[in-house]
N, C-alpha and C. Protein backbone atom coordinates (compact mmCIF):
# COMPACT_ATOMS: atom_id res chain seq x y z
N MET A 1 136.05 37.65 118.33
CA MET A 1 137.05 38.45 119.00
C MET A 1 137.71 37.60 120.08
N GLN A 2 139.02 37.64 120.15
CA GLN A 2 139.80 36.89 121.14
C GLN A 2 139.77 37.60 122.48
N GLN A 3 139.45 36.88 123.52
CA GLN A 3 139.46 37.44 124.86
C GLN A 3 140.79 37.12 125.52
N CYS A 4 141.34 38.08 126.19
CA CYS A 4 142.60 37.90 126.90
C CYS A 4 142.32 38.06 128.38
N GLY A 5 142.68 37.05 129.15
CA GLY A 5 142.44 37.13 130.58
C GLY A 5 143.50 36.39 131.36
N PRO A 6 143.41 36.46 132.67
CA PRO A 6 144.40 35.79 133.51
C PRO A 6 144.50 34.30 133.19
N GLY A 7 145.72 33.83 133.07
CA GLY A 7 145.95 32.42 132.84
C GLY A 7 146.01 32.02 131.37
N GLN A 8 145.47 32.83 130.49
CA GLN A 8 145.45 32.42 129.08
C GLN A 8 146.86 32.27 128.50
N PRO A 9 147.72 33.28 128.63
CA PRO A 9 149.06 33.10 128.06
C PRO A 9 150.02 32.36 128.97
N ALA A 10 149.54 31.91 130.12
CA ALA A 10 150.42 31.21 131.06
C ALA A 10 151.04 29.99 130.41
N SER A 11 152.24 29.70 130.81
CA SER A 11 152.99 28.56 130.31
C SER A 11 153.28 28.64 128.82
N GLY A 12 153.30 29.82 128.30
CA GLY A 12 153.68 30.01 126.89
C GLY A 12 155.11 29.54 126.66
N TYR A 13 155.99 29.83 127.62
CA TYR A 13 157.37 29.41 127.49
C TYR A 13 157.47 27.90 127.47
N SER A 14 156.68 27.24 128.31
CA SER A 14 156.73 25.77 128.33
C SER A 14 156.20 25.18 127.03
N ARG A 15 155.46 25.96 126.28
CA ARG A 15 154.99 25.53 124.96
C ARG A 15 156.00 25.87 123.87
N GLY A 16 157.14 26.41 124.26
CA GLY A 16 158.19 26.73 123.31
C GLY A 16 158.20 28.17 122.84
N CYS A 17 157.38 29.01 123.43
CA CYS A 17 157.30 30.41 123.02
C CYS A 17 158.40 31.21 123.71
N THR A 18 159.19 31.92 122.92
CA THR A 18 160.22 32.78 123.48
C THR A 18 160.07 34.22 123.02
N THR A 19 159.11 34.49 122.14
CA THR A 19 158.86 35.84 121.67
C THR A 19 157.37 36.15 121.80
N LEU A 20 157.05 37.42 121.81
CA LEU A 20 155.65 37.84 121.88
C LEU A 20 154.87 37.29 120.69
N GLN A 21 155.46 37.32 119.52
CA GLN A 21 154.78 36.83 118.32
C GLN A 21 154.44 35.34 118.44
N GLU A 22 155.38 34.56 118.93
CA GLU A 22 155.13 33.12 119.12
C GLU A 22 154.04 32.88 120.15
N LEU A 23 154.08 33.63 121.25
CA LEU A 23 153.09 33.47 122.29
C LEU A 23 151.70 33.82 121.78
N CYS A 24 151.58 34.91 121.04
CA CYS A 24 150.29 35.32 120.49
C CYS A 24 149.77 34.28 119.50
N ALA A 25 150.64 33.76 118.66
CA ALA A 25 150.22 32.76 117.68
C ALA A 25 149.80 31.46 118.36
N THR A 26 150.49 31.08 119.42
CA THR A 26 150.22 29.81 120.11
C THR A 26 148.96 29.88 120.97
N THR A 27 148.79 30.98 121.69
CA THR A 27 147.69 31.07 122.65
C THR A 27 146.51 31.89 122.17
N GLY A 28 146.74 32.73 121.17
CA GLY A 28 145.69 33.63 120.71
C GLY A 28 145.63 34.92 121.51
N ALA A 29 146.42 35.01 122.58
CA ALA A 29 146.45 36.23 123.38
C ALA A 29 146.99 37.39 122.55
N GLY A 30 146.37 38.53 122.69
CA GLY A 30 146.84 39.72 121.98
C GLY A 30 146.49 39.78 120.52
N THR A 31 145.66 38.86 120.06
CA THR A 31 145.35 38.83 118.62
C THR A 31 144.04 39.53 118.28
N GLY A 32 143.32 40.01 119.31
CA GLY A 32 142.09 40.74 119.06
C GLY A 32 142.44 42.19 118.75
N CYS A 33 142.13 43.05 119.67
CA CYS A 33 142.42 44.48 119.47
C CYS A 33 143.89 44.79 119.72
N GLY A 34 144.59 43.92 120.45
CA GLY A 34 146.02 44.11 120.70
C GLY A 34 146.33 44.98 121.90
N SER A 35 145.31 45.49 122.58
CA SER A 35 145.57 46.38 123.71
C SER A 35 146.26 45.67 124.87
N CYS A 36 146.16 44.36 124.95
CA CYS A 36 146.78 43.62 126.06
C CYS A 36 148.19 43.15 125.71
N ARG A 37 148.69 43.44 124.51
CA ARG A 37 150.02 42.95 124.13
C ARG A 37 151.13 43.35 125.10
N PRO A 38 151.15 44.59 125.61
CA PRO A 38 152.21 44.90 126.59
C PRO A 38 152.13 44.02 127.83
N GLU A 39 150.92 43.74 128.30
CA GLU A 39 150.75 42.87 129.46
C GLU A 39 151.18 41.44 129.13
N VAL A 40 150.83 40.97 127.95
CA VAL A 40 151.22 39.62 127.52
C VAL A 40 152.73 39.54 127.42
N GLN A 41 153.37 40.57 126.90
CA GLN A 41 154.84 40.61 126.80
C GLN A 41 155.45 40.53 128.19
N GLN A 42 154.88 41.25 129.15
CA GLN A 42 155.40 41.23 130.51
C GLN A 42 155.23 39.86 131.15
N LEU A 43 154.09 39.22 130.91
CA LEU A 43 153.87 37.87 131.44
C LEU A 43 154.91 36.89 130.90
N LEU A 44 155.20 36.98 129.61
CA LEU A 44 156.21 36.10 129.01
C LEU A 44 157.58 36.39 129.60
N ALA A 45 157.93 37.67 129.74
CA ALA A 45 159.23 38.03 130.30
C ALA A 45 159.36 37.52 131.73
N THR A 46 158.29 37.63 132.50
CA THR A 46 158.31 37.14 133.88
C THR A 46 158.49 35.63 133.92
N GLU A 47 157.79 34.93 133.04
CA GLU A 47 157.89 33.47 133.00
C GLU A 47 159.31 33.04 132.61
N ILE A 48 159.89 33.70 131.63
CA ILE A 48 161.26 33.38 131.22
C ILE A 48 162.24 33.67 132.35
N ALA A 49 162.05 34.79 133.05
CA ALA A 49 162.93 35.14 134.17
C ALA A 49 162.85 34.08 135.28
N GLN A 50 161.66 33.57 135.52
CA GLN A 50 161.51 32.53 136.55
C GLN A 50 162.22 31.25 136.14
N VAL A 51 162.14 30.90 134.87
CA VAL A 51 162.83 29.70 134.39
C VAL A 51 164.34 29.87 134.52
N VAL A 52 164.84 31.04 134.15
CA VAL A 52 166.27 31.30 134.25
C VAL A 52 166.71 31.29 135.71
N ALA A 53 165.90 31.87 136.59
CA ALA A 53 166.24 31.90 138.02
C ALA A 53 166.35 30.49 138.59
N LEU A 54 165.53 29.58 138.11
CA LEU A 54 165.61 28.19 138.57
C LEU A 54 166.76 27.45 137.91
N ALA A 55 167.06 27.79 136.68
CA ALA A 55 168.09 27.08 135.93
C ALA A 55 169.49 27.37 136.45
N VAL A 56 169.75 28.58 136.87
CA VAL A 56 171.10 28.94 137.31
C VAL A 56 171.51 28.13 138.54
N PRO A 57 170.69 28.08 139.61
CA PRO A 57 171.10 27.23 140.76
C PRO A 57 171.22 25.75 140.37
N ALA A 58 170.36 25.30 139.48
CA ALA A 58 170.44 23.90 139.06
C ALA A 58 171.76 23.64 138.34
N GLN A 59 172.18 24.56 137.50
CA GLN A 59 173.45 24.39 136.78
C GLN A 59 174.62 24.42 137.76
N GLU A 60 174.54 25.29 138.76
CA GLU A 60 175.60 25.35 139.77
C GLU A 60 175.68 24.03 140.54
N LEU A 61 174.53 23.45 140.87
CA LEU A 61 174.48 22.18 141.58
C LEU A 61 175.09 21.08 140.72
N ILE A 62 174.74 21.04 139.46
CA ILE A 62 175.28 20.03 138.55
C ILE A 62 176.80 20.18 138.44
N THR A 63 177.25 21.41 138.29
CA THR A 63 178.69 21.65 138.17
C THR A 63 179.42 21.22 139.43
N ALA A 64 178.85 21.54 140.59
CA ALA A 64 179.49 21.16 141.85
C ALA A 64 179.48 19.65 142.06
N THR A 65 178.41 19.01 141.66
CA THR A 65 178.26 17.57 141.85
C THR A 65 179.20 16.78 140.94
N TYR A 66 179.32 17.24 139.72
CA TYR A 66 180.10 16.48 138.73
C TYR A 66 181.43 17.11 138.39
N ALA A 67 181.90 18.01 139.24
CA ALA A 67 183.19 18.65 139.00
C ALA A 67 184.31 17.62 139.09
N ALA A 68 185.27 17.79 138.23
CA ALA A 68 186.43 16.89 138.27
C ALA A 68 187.21 17.13 139.55
N PRO A 69 187.66 16.06 140.19
CA PRO A 69 188.44 16.23 141.41
C PRO A 69 189.74 16.97 141.12
N GLU A 70 190.14 17.76 142.08
CA GLU A 70 191.38 18.54 141.88
C GLU A 70 192.61 17.76 142.25
């Protein structure tokens, strides 16, 4: 039986997981009884949101730095 606990599905996104199915297949989280799947889905959504939150300011910085002069 697969045990699901804190930290197990962490960094699923960095492993290329963008869906619950990919995360479960990659980490084994949620593959036992499945009762933790909603929590695993939330962890993945939170991780993706954090990546997006960091990416937007970085893109703005790149755009401002390399903007064509007017």
